[in-house]
Structures are given as structure tokens and as C-alpha cells.
Amino acid sequence: MSTTESDSLYNRLEQMPVHELLTCINQEDKSVPLAVERVIPQIETLVNATVERLREGGRLFYIGAGTSGRLGIVDASECPPTYGVPHGMVIGIIAGGDSAIRKAVEFAEDDTKQAWKDLQEHKITDKDIVVGIAASGGTPYVVGGLEACRRQGIATGCIVCNANSPVAAVADYPVEVITGPEFVTGSTRMKAGTAQKLVLNMLTTATMIQLGHVKGNKMVDMQLSNTKLVERGIRMLMEELQLAKPEAAALLKKFGSVRAAIEAYRNGSSLS
């Protein structure tokens, strides 16, 4: 039996007071970052492969079902506003289509051929890389998708939470975060989902930094899509260029991005 399906270390959960439930869940959650730490070399290899392909104009795809698919979509959707990259650079695909984001689509994850059909809709090529996300490591949708990619010479990676899984076996760059039994037996949206989210954060954050979308520790290419982000951009300019707030605000308004404002100012462009 896979460790994600093995029996919880706790029993009679329905008899526990709320404080004890929360304390035990928190105790289990503490083990997740340590599990991720143990596979940093695997994550590093996947990051390097991803950077190489994106640097050459390729794209990063995620495929998954259920919670795993939703996590991939969240990570992909946050890259453009955070790093100013095109929406088509990181793409999340979930078994069952977009309707499965909000409501489970029965048996969608059991179709071994659908992931490749979904990828073909995006005109996938061997310049791209596909990362399968599957807590169990056995999701047929993901296994079939990665197998098809391999046959086409497309690089593959995965994020799974069981050792020696079918998904990892067909991935060029597997990441196996062994999180063990869940607090509620088999509820992989808990520790396994947390582990997958941590790895996804590491993957795209490290990749975007390597691609030059961070300066110092600031998101200089972020989209100025709301008041909070405009204010953050103004603070970045004030700190980087030693400007007063009115001048920084005017500079940002004129040039439309933190990076463009910094470059224009240092190249001697005025606000006039």
C-alpha cells in the first residue's frame, strides 16, 4: 500500500475536542517542510531543466487531477501578475477541464489518453517541459500524459508523494516528497497537497529569478494591476533610486513598470 493511503497515526478523530484536532493536524503539518528539504537535489534538477527550456522560448505545463490539478493551475495563474511573464509561459491543465477547478468531474482522472489531447490543444512541442502533479503517483491521467510526452521527445517532471510510483517512473526529472500517512486517512489535500504547493513555489520562484524577473529581492516585472501593487512599485522606486514618493509615483505612472522606470531614470530620461 502507498504511504499516502496508509492508516492515519491517529484514531477516534470524531471524539477529539477541537483543540486536540488542531494540535494534531499542526503536528503532522510540521513534518512537511522537512520532507521537502530531503528532496531539494531533485527539485534543483527539475528547476535547471525548466530554466533551460523557458530560456529557449519553451513553456512549462502542469497536468494533474483534483487537488493536484488545482494547485498547478493556481501556480501557473500567479506567474504573469507576479513576474510579468506572458500568460502562455506557464500553463496548468486539470483532468476534466476548467469545470473541474470548482467541482469534481467523475472518473476524469482515470482517462489515460485525455492529458495528451489536452496538451495538443496548446500545440505542445519538444521545446516545452511537462510536470505531472499527483499525490499518489498513480493517477492514470498523469501517467498517460507523461508517457505520451516521452514518446514525442518532450521533457517531463513530476511532483509525487509516494516512492517508486508509476508517475515517477515515466518522468525524466521526478520529485518524490514522501509525506507519509495523512491525519484523515487518504486525505491527500492535506500534507501531500501542502508539500506539492511548497515544491511548486520553489520551482517557479527559482525559475523566474534565474530568468531575470527579480532584482535584488523585488518583483520588478510585476503587473501593476491594483492599488496595493502600485504602492509596492512606488516603494521599490523610492528605495532603489532614493526618490521622494511624489517623484517615484510620477515615474512609475509614466513608464508603466518598475523595471522600465528604473532603466529610464538611470538612462537620464526625465519626467517631462
C-alpha atoms as a PDB file:
ATOM      1  CA  MET A   1       0.000   0.000   0.000  1.00  0.00           C
ATOM      2  CA  SER A   2       1.207   3.533  -0.780  1.00  0.00           C
ATOM      3  CA  THR A   3       2.115   5.684   2.206  1.00  0.00           C
ATOM      4  CA  THR A   4      -0.435   8.342   1.255  1.00  0.00           C
ATOM      5  CA  GLU A   5      -3.171   5.683   1.596  1.00  0.00           C
ATOM      6  CA  SER A   6      -1.837   4.066   4.765  1.00  0.00           C
ATOM      7  CA  ASP A   7      -3.767   4.349   8.013  1.00  0.00           C
ATOM      8  CA  SER A   8      -3.595   7.594   9.980  1.00  0.00           C
ATOM      9  CA  LEU A   9      -1.418   7.661  13.079  1.00  0.00           C
ATOM     10  CA  TYR A  10      -4.488   8.936  14.935  1.00  0.00           C
ATOM     11  CA  ASN A  11      -7.844   7.313  15.639  1.00  0.00           C
ATOM     12  CA  ARG A  12     -11.271   8.183  17.039  1.00  0.00           C
ATOM     13  CA  LEU A  13     -10.983  11.612  15.450  1.00  0.00           C
ATOM     14  CA  GLU A  14     -14.691  12.249  15.922  1.00  0.00           C
ATOM     15  CA  GLN A  15     -14.186  12.030  19.685  1.00  0.00           C
ATOM     16  CA  MET A  16     -11.366  14.578  19.826  1.00  0.00           C
ATOM     17  CA  PRO A  17     -12.019  18.123  21.135  1.00  0.00           C
ATOM     18  CA  VAL A  18     -11.354  20.859  18.592  1.00  0.00           C
ATOM     19  CA  HIS A  19      -8.136  21.956  20.288  1.00  0.00           C
ATOM     20  CA  GLU A  20      -6.740  18.439  20.115  1.00  0.00           C
ATOM     21  CA  LEU A  21      -7.767  18.085  16.454  1.00  0.00           C
ATOM     22  CA  LEU A  22      -5.986  21.308  15.548  1.00  0.00           C
ATOM     23  CA  THR A  23      -2.897  20.447  17.580  1.00  0.00           C
ATOM     24  CA  CYS A  24      -2.585  17.041  15.928  1.00  0.00           C
ATOM     25  CA  ILE A  25      -3.101  18.430  12.426  1.00  0.00           C
ATOM     26  CA  ASN A  26      -0.452  21.050  13.113  1.00  0.00           C
ATOM     27  CA  GLN A  27       1.913  18.384  14.430  1.00  0.00           C
ATOM     28  CA  GLU A  28       1.566  16.439  11.179  1.00  0.00           C
ATOM     29  CA  ASP A  29       1.961  19.587   9.079  1.00  0.00           C
ATOM     30  CA  LYS A  30       5.318  20.319  10.729  1.00  0.00           C
ATOM     31  CA  SER A  31       6.783  17.260   9.037  1.00  0.00           C
ATOM     32  CA  VAL A  32       6.090  18.530   5.516  1.00  0.00           C
ATOM     33  CA  PRO A  33       8.904  21.105   5.103  1.00  0.00           C
ATOM     34  CA  LEU A  34      11.373  18.500   6.365  1.00  0.00           C
ATOM     35  CA  ALA A  35      10.150  16.047   3.729  1.00  0.00           C
ATOM     36  CA  VAL A  36      10.636  18.733   1.075  1.00  0.00           C
ATOM     37  CA  GLU A  37      14.118  19.529   2.396  1.00  0.00           C
ATOM     38  CA  ARG A  38      15.189  15.933   1.823  1.00  0.00           C
ATOM     39  CA  VAL A  39      14.487  16.187  -1.924  1.00  0.00           C
ATOM     40  CA  ILE A  40      15.979  19.604  -2.677  1.00  0.00           C
ATOM     41  CA  PRO A  41      18.523  17.970  -5.046  1.00  0.00           C
ATOM     42  CA  GLN A  42      15.617  16.532  -7.077  1.00  0.00           C
ATOM     43  CA  ILE A  43      13.884  19.918  -7.131  1.00  0.00           C
ATOM     44  CA  GLU A  44      17.120  21.588  -8.226  1.00  0.00           C
ATOM     45  CA  THR A  45      17.433  19.232 -11.189  1.00  0.00           C
ATOM     46  CA  LEU A  46      13.847  19.975 -12.235  1.00  0.00           C
ATOM     47  CA  VAL A  47      14.394  23.722 -11.891  1.00  0.00           C
ATOM     48  CA  ASN A  48      17.526  23.611 -14.052  1.00  0.00           C
ATOM     49  CA  ALA A  49      15.696  21.651 -16.758  1.00  0.00           C
ATOM     50  CA  THR A  50      12.785  24.104 -16.645  1.00  0.00           C
ATOM     51  CA  VAL A  51      15.008  27.185 -16.830  1.00  0.00           C
ATOM     52  CA  GLU A  52      16.852  25.744 -19.809  1.00  0.00           C
ATOM     53  CA  ARG A  53      13.642  25.258 -21.783  1.00  0.00           C
ATOM     54  CA  LEU A  54      11.972  28.523 -20.842  1.00  0.00           C
ATOM     55  CA  ARG A  55      15.143  30.423 -21.653  1.00  0.00           C
ATOM     56  CA  GLU A  56      14.949  28.996 -25.175  1.00  0.00           C
ATOM     57  CA  GLY A  57      11.317  30.015 -25.629  1.00  0.00           C
ATOM     58  CA  GLY A  58       9.674  26.853 -24.342  1.00  0.00           C
ATOM     59  CA  ARG A  59       6.804  26.628 -21.869  1.00  0.00           C
ATOM     60  CA  LEU A  60       6.113  24.907 -18.559  1.00  0.00           C
ATOM     61  CA  PHE A  61       2.981  22.766 -18.403  1.00  0.00           C
ATOM     62  CA  TYR A  62       1.371  21.213 -15.346  1.00  0.00           C
ATOM     63  CA  ILE A  63      -1.018  18.278 -15.623  1.00  0.00           C
ATOM     64  CA  GLY A  64      -2.959  16.853 -12.704  1.00  0.00           C
ATOM     65  CA  ALA A  65      -6.320  15.805 -11.346  1.00  0.00           C
ATOM     66  CA  GLY A  66      -8.307  17.007  -8.341  1.00  0.00           C
ATOM     67  CA  THR A  67      -6.328  18.918  -5.728  1.00  0.00           C
ATOM     68  CA  SER A  68      -3.073  18.339  -7.624  1.00  0.00           C
ATOM     69  CA  GLY A  69      -4.523  19.799 -10.813  1.00  0.00           C
ATOM     70  CA  ARG A  70      -5.920  22.800  -8.956  1.00  0.00           C
ATOM     71  CA  LEU A  71      -2.567  23.502  -7.332  1.00  0.00           C
ATOM     72  CA  GLY A  72      -0.911  23.522 -10.759  1.00  0.00           C
ATOM     73  CA  ILE A  73      -3.495  25.955 -12.094  1.00  0.00           C
ATOM     74  CA  VAL A  74      -3.018  28.267  -9.106  1.00  0.00           C
ATOM     75  CA  ASP A  75       0.750  28.291  -9.552  1.00  0.00           C
ATOM     76  CA  ALA A  76       0.507  28.900 -13.301  1.00  0.00           C
ATOM     77  CA  SER A  77      -2.057  31.680 -12.929  1.00  0.00           C
ATOM     78  CA  GLU A  78       0.101  33.579 -10.443  1.00  0.00           C
ATOM     79  CA  CYS A  79       3.220  33.773 -12.624  1.00  0.00           C
ATOM     80  CA  PRO A  80       2.069  36.547 -15.018  1.00  0.00           C
ATOM     81  CA  PRO A  81       0.974  39.070 -12.362  1.00  0.00           C
ATOM     82  CA  THR A  82       3.939  38.307 -10.115  1.00  0.00           C
ATOM     83  CA  TYR A  83       6.695  38.244 -12.714  1.00  0.00           C
ATOM     84  CA  GLY A  84       5.214  39.973 -15.749  1.00  0.00           C
ATOM     85  CA  VAL A  85       5.619  36.927 -17.996  1.00  0.00           C
ATOM     86  CA  PRO A  86       3.140  36.052 -20.773  1.00  0.00           C
ATOM     87  CA  HIS A  87       0.089  34.049 -19.728  1.00  0.00           C
ATOM     88  CA  GLY A  88       1.152  31.249 -22.060  1.00  0.00           C
ATOM     89  CA  MET A  89       4.542  30.648 -20.463  1.00  0.00           C
ATOM     90  CA  VAL A  90       3.243  28.534 -17.540  1.00  0.00           C
ATOM     91  CA  ILE A  91       0.048  26.587 -18.188  1.00  0.00           C
ATOM     92  CA  GLY A  92      -1.958  24.480 -15.754  1.00  0.00           C
ATOM     93  CA  ILE A  93      -4.214  21.716 -17.097  1.00  0.00           C
ATOM     94  CA  ILE A  94      -6.657  19.744 -14.931  1.00  0.00           C
ATOM     95  CA  ALA A  95      -8.371  16.449 -15.722  1.00  0.00           C
ATOM     96  CA  GLY A  96     -11.981  17.184 -16.593  1.00  0.00           C
ATOM     97  CA  GLY A  97     -11.310  20.666 -17.918  1.00  0.00           C
ATOM     98  CA  ASP A  98     -11.915  24.048 -16.334  1.00  0.00           C
ATOM     99  CA  SER A  99     -15.204  22.956 -14.762  1.00  0.00           C
ATOM    100  CA  ALA A 100     -13.175  20.557 -12.583  1.00  0.00           C
ATOM    101  CA  ILE A 101     -11.496  23.529 -10.907  1.00  0.00           C
ATOM    102  CA  ARG A 102     -14.627  24.099  -8.820  1.00  0.00           C
ATOM    103  CA  LYS A 103     -16.422  20.755  -8.983  1.00  0.00           C
ATOM    104  CA  ALA A 104     -15.015  17.249  -9.245  1.00  0.00           C
ATOM    105  CA  VAL A 105     -15.592  15.553 -12.606  1.00  0.00           C
ATOM    106  CA  GLU A 106     -16.252  11.865 -12.043  1.00  0.00           C
ATOM    107  CA  PHE A 107     -13.622   9.464 -13.387  1.00  0.00           C
ATOM    108  CA  ALA A 108     -11.820  12.214 -15.321  1.00  0.00           C
ATOM    109  CA  GLU A 109      -8.523  11.200 -13.720  1.00  0.00           C
ATOM    110  CA  ASP A 110      -8.886   7.619 -14.991  1.00  0.00           C
ATOM    111  CA  ASP A 111      -8.556   8.515 -18.701  1.00  0.00           C
ATOM    112  CA  THR A 112      -5.008   7.681 -19.822  1.00  0.00           C
ATOM    113  CA  LYS A 113      -5.341   9.436 -23.190  1.00  0.00           C
ATOM    114  CA  GLN A 114      -7.018  12.714 -22.329  1.00  0.00           C
ATOM    115  CA  ALA A 115      -3.969  14.548 -20.957  1.00  0.00           C
ATOM    116  CA  TRP A 116      -2.151  14.252 -24.287  1.00  0.00           C
ATOM    117  CA  LYS A 117      -5.260  15.516 -26.100  1.00  0.00           C
ATOM    118  CA  ASP A 118      -5.389  18.455 -23.684  1.00  0.00           C
ATOM    119  CA  LEU A 119      -1.702  19.223 -24.248  1.00  0.00           C
ATOM    120  CA  GLN A 120      -2.130  19.078 -28.025  1.00  0.00           C
ATOM    121  CA  GLU A 121      -4.736  21.830 -27.812  1.00  0.00           C
ATOM    122  CA  HIS A 122      -1.852  24.077 -26.737  1.00  0.00           C
ATOM    123  CA  LYS A 123       0.313  22.916 -29.658  1.00  0.00           C
ATOM    124  CA  ILE A 124       2.914  21.437 -27.340  1.00  0.00           C
ATOM    125  CA  THR A 125       6.385  20.831 -28.808  1.00  0.00           C
ATOM    126  CA  ASP A 126       9.692  19.326 -27.749  1.00  0.00           C
ATOM    127  CA  LYS A 127      10.814  22.801 -26.650  1.00  0.00           C
ATOM    128  CA  ASP A 128       8.403  22.577 -23.698  1.00  0.00           C
ATOM    129  CA  ILE A 129       8.510  20.711 -20.369  1.00  0.00           C
ATOM    130  CA  VAL A 130       5.558  18.961 -18.715  1.00  0.00           C
ATOM    131  CA  VAL A 131       5.343  18.369 -14.956  1.00  0.00           C
ATOM    132  CA  GLY A 132       2.819  15.839 -13.710  1.00  0.00           C
ATOM    133  CA  ILE A 133       1.391  16.521 -10.250  1.00  0.00           C
ATOM    134  CA  ALA A 134      -0.090  13.513  -8.459  1.00  0.00           C
ATOM    135  CA  ALA A 135      -0.046  12.893  -4.725  1.00  0.00           C
ATOM    136  CA  SER A 136      -0.493   9.145  -5.125  1.00  0.00           C
ATOM    137  CA  GLY A 137       1.885   8.952  -8.072  1.00  0.00           C
ATOM    138  CA  GLY A 138      -0.563   6.657  -9.824  1.00  0.00           C
ATOM    139  CA  THR A 139      -3.130   8.956 -11.479  1.00  0.00           C
ATOM    140  CA  PRO A 140      -3.820   7.427 -14.935  1.00  0.00           C
ATOM    141  CA  TYR A 141      -4.438  10.860 -16.498  1.00  0.00           C
ATOM    142  CA  VAL A 142      -0.949  11.960 -15.452  1.00  0.00           C
ATOM    143  CA  VAL A 143       0.809   8.672 -16.238  1.00  0.00           C
ATOM    144  CA  GLY A 144      -0.681   8.602 -19.726  1.00  0.00           C
ATOM    145  CA  GLY A 145       0.180  12.232 -20.369  1.00  0.00           C
ATOM    146  CA  LEU A 146       3.822  11.836 -19.368  1.00  0.00           C
ATOM    147  CA  GLU A 147       4.174   8.615 -21.353  1.00  0.00           C
ATOM    148  CA  ALA A 148       2.868  10.374 -24.462  1.00  0.00           C
ATOM    149  CA  CYS A 149       5.265  13.270 -23.909  1.00  0.00           C
ATOM    150  CA  ARG A 150       8.201  10.893 -23.650  1.00  0.00           C
ATOM    151  CA  ARG A 151       7.264   9.248 -26.936  1.00  0.00           C
ATOM    152  CA  GLN A 152       7.327  12.696 -28.534  1.00  0.00           C
ATOM    153  CA  GLY A 153      10.697  13.637 -27.039  1.00  0.00           C
ATOM    154  CA  ILE A 154       9.186  16.197 -24.643  1.00  0.00           C
ATOM    155  CA  ALA A 155      10.918  16.626 -21.275  1.00  0.00           C
ATOM    156  CA  THR A 156       8.910  15.544 -18.247  1.00  0.00           C
ATOM    157  CA  GLY A 157       9.000  16.049 -14.496  1.00  0.00           C
ATOM    158  CA  CYS A 158       6.681  15.202 -11.642  1.00  0.00           C
ATOM    159  CA  ILE A 159       5.771  16.005  -8.051  1.00  0.00           C
ATOM    160  CA  VAL A 160       4.523  12.939  -6.173  1.00  0.00           C
ATOM    161  CA  CYS A 161       4.256  11.883  -2.541  1.00  0.00           C
ATOM    162  CA  ASN A 162       4.907   8.145  -2.754  1.00  0.00           C
ATOM    163  CA  ALA A 163       8.148   6.343  -3.541  1.00  0.00           C
ATOM    164  CA  ASN A 164       8.629   4.276  -6.706  1.00  0.00           C
ATOM    165  CA  SER A 165       5.364   5.377  -8.281  1.00  0.00           C
ATOM    166  CA  PRO A 166       4.183   4.886 -11.885  1.00  0.00           C
ATOM    167  CA  VAL A 167       4.262   8.661 -12.446  1.00  0.00           C
ATOM    168  CA  ALA A 168       7.869   8.977 -11.258  1.00  0.00           C
ATOM    169  CA  ALA A 169       8.840   6.014 -13.442  1.00  0.00           C
ATOM    170  CA  VAL A 170       7.869   7.904 -16.614  1.00  0.00           C
ATOM    171  CA  ALA A 171       9.280  11.308 -15.560  1.00  0.00           C
ATOM    172  CA  ASP A 172      12.738  12.486 -16.609  1.00  0.00           C
ATOM    173  CA  TYR A 173      13.016  14.729 -13.533  1.00  0.00           C
ATOM    174  CA  PRO A 174      10.987  13.187 -10.696  1.00  0.00           C
ATOM    175  CA  VAL A 175      10.462  14.904  -7.347  1.00  0.00           C
ATOM    176  CA  GLU A 176       9.284  12.413  -4.716  1.00  0.00           C
ATOM    177  CA  VAL A 177       8.271  14.097  -1.446  1.00  0.00           C
ATOM    178  CA  ILE A 178       7.354  11.307   0.954  1.00  0.00           C
ATOM    179  CA  THR A 179       4.878  12.846   3.381  1.00  0.00           C
ATOM    180  CA  GLY A 180       3.538   9.662   4.989  1.00  0.00           C
ATOM    181  CA  PRO A 181       0.029   8.940   6.312  1.00  0.00           C
ATOM    182  CA  GLU A 182      -2.480  11.772   6.343  1.00  0.00           C
ATOM    183  CA  PHE A 183      -4.241  12.908   9.539  1.00  0.00           C
ATOM    184  CA  VAL A 184      -7.508  11.803   7.933  1.00  0.00           C
ATOM    185  CA  THR A 185      -6.580   8.577   6.160  1.00  0.00           C
ATOM    186  CA  GLY A 186      -6.115   9.166   2.430  1.00  0.00           C
ATOM    187  CA  SER A 187      -6.975  12.895   2.514  1.00  0.00           C
ATOM    188  CA  THR A 188      -4.063  13.973   0.321  1.00  0.00           C
ATOM    189  CA  ARG A 189      -5.273  17.562   0.085  1.00  0.00           C
ATOM    190  CA  MET A 190      -3.625  17.892   3.495  1.00  0.00           C
ATOM    191  CA  LYS A 191       0.096  17.040   3.920  1.00  0.00           C
ATOM    192  CA  ALA A 192       0.615  15.878   0.344  1.00  0.00           C
ATOM    193  CA  GLY A 193      -1.137  18.965  -1.012  1.00  0.00           C
ATOM    194  CA  THR A 194       0.958  21.205   1.211  1.00  0.00           C
ATOM    195  CA  ALA A 195       4.138  19.516   0.013  1.00  0.00           C
ATOM    196  CA  GLN A 196       3.129  19.928  -3.617  1.00  0.00           C
ATOM    197  CA  LYS A 197       2.383  23.624  -3.065  1.00  0.00           C
ATOM    198  CA  LEU A 198       5.782  24.144  -1.429  1.00  0.00           C
ATOM    199  CA  VAL A 199       7.566  22.455  -4.337  1.00  0.00           C
ATOM    200  CA  LEU A 200       5.580  24.448  -6.896  1.00  0.00           C
ATOM    201  CA  ASN A 201       6.505  27.658  -5.068  1.00  0.00           C
ATOM    202  CA  MET A 202      10.160  26.648  -5.217  1.00  0.00           C
ATOM    203  CA  LEU A 203      10.001  25.607  -8.864  1.00  0.00           C
ATOM    204  CA  THR A 204       8.505  28.771 -10.329  1.00  0.00           C
ATOM    205  CA  THR A 205      10.133  31.206  -7.903  1.00  0.00           C
ATOM    206  CA  ALA A 206      13.632  29.847  -8.555  1.00  0.00           C
ATOM    207  CA  THR A 207      12.926  29.637 -12.286  1.00  0.00           C
ATOM    208  CA  MET A 208      11.687  33.221 -12.558  1.00  0.00           C
ATOM    209  CA  ILE A 209      14.661  34.507 -10.568  1.00  0.00           C
ATOM    210  CA  GLN A 210      17.020  32.609 -12.873  1.00  0.00           C
ATOM    211  CA  LEU A 211      15.235  34.131 -15.878  1.00  0.00           C
ATOM    212  CA  GLY A 212      15.886  37.638 -14.533  1.00  0.00           C
ATOM    213  CA  HIS A 213      12.451  38.679 -13.298  1.00  0.00           C
ATOM    214  CA  VAL A 214      13.662  39.645  -9.805  1.00  0.00           C
ATOM    215  CA  LYS A 215      16.113  42.421  -8.951  1.00  0.00           C
ATOM    216  CA  GLY A 216      17.684  42.205  -5.511  1.00  0.00           C
ATOM    217  CA  ASN A 217      14.660  40.712  -3.802  1.00  0.00           C
ATOM    218  CA  LYS A 218      11.977  42.706  -5.615  1.00  0.00           C
ATOM    219  CA  MET A 219       9.408  41.715  -8.274  1.00  0.00           C
ATOM    220  CA  VAL A 220      10.422  44.428 -10.724  1.00  0.00           C
ATOM    221  CA  ASP A 221       8.350  42.955 -13.575  1.00  0.00           C
ATOM    222  CA  MET A 222       5.095  42.546 -11.623  1.00  0.00           C
ATOM    223  CA  GLN A 223       1.879  43.760 -13.214  1.00  0.00           C
ATOM    224  CA  LEU A 224       0.522  46.943 -11.629  1.00  0.00           C
ATOM    225  CA  SER A 225      -2.993  45.542 -11.503  1.00  0.00           C
ATOM    226  CA  ASN A 226      -4.286  47.049  -8.272  1.00  0.00           C
ATOM    227  CA  THR A 227      -3.645  49.855  -5.790  1.00  0.00           C
ATOM    228  CA  LYS A 228      -1.617  47.643  -3.439  1.00  0.00           C
ATOM    229  CA  LEU A 229       0.784  46.691  -6.235  1.00  0.00           C
ATOM    230  CA  VAL A 230       1.098  50.277  -7.471  1.00  0.00           C
ATOM    231  CA  GLU A 231       2.013  51.329  -3.922  1.00  0.00           C
ATOM    232  CA  ARG A 232       4.532  48.494  -3.746  1.00  0.00           C
ATOM    233  CA  GLY A 233       6.023  49.639  -7.039  1.00  0.00           C
ATOM    234  CA  ILE A 234       6.345  53.189  -5.752  1.00  0.00           C
ATOM    235  CA  ARG A 235       8.152  51.946  -2.643  1.00  0.00           C
ATOM    236  CA  MET A 236      10.532  49.932  -4.816  1.00  0.00           C
ATOM    237  CA  LEU A 237      11.444  53.038  -6.806  1.00  0.00           C
ATOM    238  CA  MET A 238      11.848  55.145  -3.674  1.00  0.00           C
ATOM    239  CA  GLU A 239      14.260  52.587  -2.226  1.00  0.00           C
ATOM    240  CA  GLU A 240      16.162  51.746  -5.410  1.00  0.00           C
ATOM    241  CA  LEU A 241      16.532  55.298  -6.741  1.00  0.00           C
ATOM    242  CA  GLN A 242      16.415  57.260  -3.463  1.00  0.00           C
ATOM    243  CA  LEU A 243      13.425  59.299  -4.622  1.00  0.00           C
ATOM    244  CA  ALA A 244      10.653  61.053  -2.741  1.00  0.00           C
ATOM    245  CA  LYS A 245       7.237  59.452  -3.076  1.00  0.00           C
ATOM    246  CA  PRO A 246       5.708  62.029  -5.493  1.00  0.00           C
ATOM    247  CA  GLU A 247       8.617  61.695  -7.909  1.00  0.00           C
ATOM    248  CA  ALA A 248       8.587  57.896  -7.677  1.00  0.00           C
ATOM    249  CA  ALA A 249       4.824  57.815  -8.277  1.00  0.00           C
ATOM    250  CA  ALA A 250       5.118  60.063 -11.320  1.00  0.00           C
ATOM    251  CA  LEU A 251       7.955  57.971 -12.707  1.00  0.00           C
ATOM    252  CA  LEU A 252       6.006  54.748 -12.318  1.00  0.00           C
ATOM    253  CA  LYS A 253       2.912  56.243 -13.896  1.00  0.00           C
ATOM    254  CA  LYS A 254       4.892  57.437 -16.908  1.00  0.00           C
ATOM    255  CA  PHE A 255       6.824  54.250 -17.626  1.00  0.00           C
ATOM    256  CA  GLY A 256       4.276  51.663 -16.521  1.00  0.00           C
ATOM    257  CA  SER A 257       6.567  49.201 -14.770  1.00  0.00           C
ATOM    258  CA  VAL A 258       9.180  49.218 -12.040  1.00  0.00           C
ATOM    259  CA  ARG A 259      11.896  47.867 -14.338  1.00  0.00           C
ATOM    260  CA  ALA A 260      11.145  50.353 -17.117  1.00  0.00           C
ATOM    261  CA  ALA A 261      11.092  53.226 -14.618  1.00  0.00           C
ATOM    262  CA  ILE A 262      14.462  52.257 -13.127  1.00  0.00           C
ATOM    263  CA  GLU A 263      16.086  51.858 -16.527  1.00  0.00           C
ATOM    264  CA  ALA A 264      14.653  55.138 -17.835  1.00  0.00           C
ATOM    265  CA  TYR A 265      15.755  57.079 -14.773  1.00  0.00           C
ATOM    266  CA  ARG A 266      19.269  55.687 -14.897  1.00  0.00           C
ATOM    267  CA  ASN A 267      19.477  56.416 -18.613  1.00  0.00           C
ATOM    268  CA  GLY A 268      18.698  60.056 -17.890  1.00  0.00           C
ATOM    269  CA  SER A 269      15.075  60.155 -19.021  1.00  0.00           C
ATOM    270  CA  SER A 270      13.115  62.944 -17.356  1.00  0.00           C
ATOM    271  CA  LEU A 271       9.502  63.164 -16.339  1.00  0.00           C
ATOM    272  CA  SER A 272       8.822  65.968 -18.777  1.00  0.00           C
END
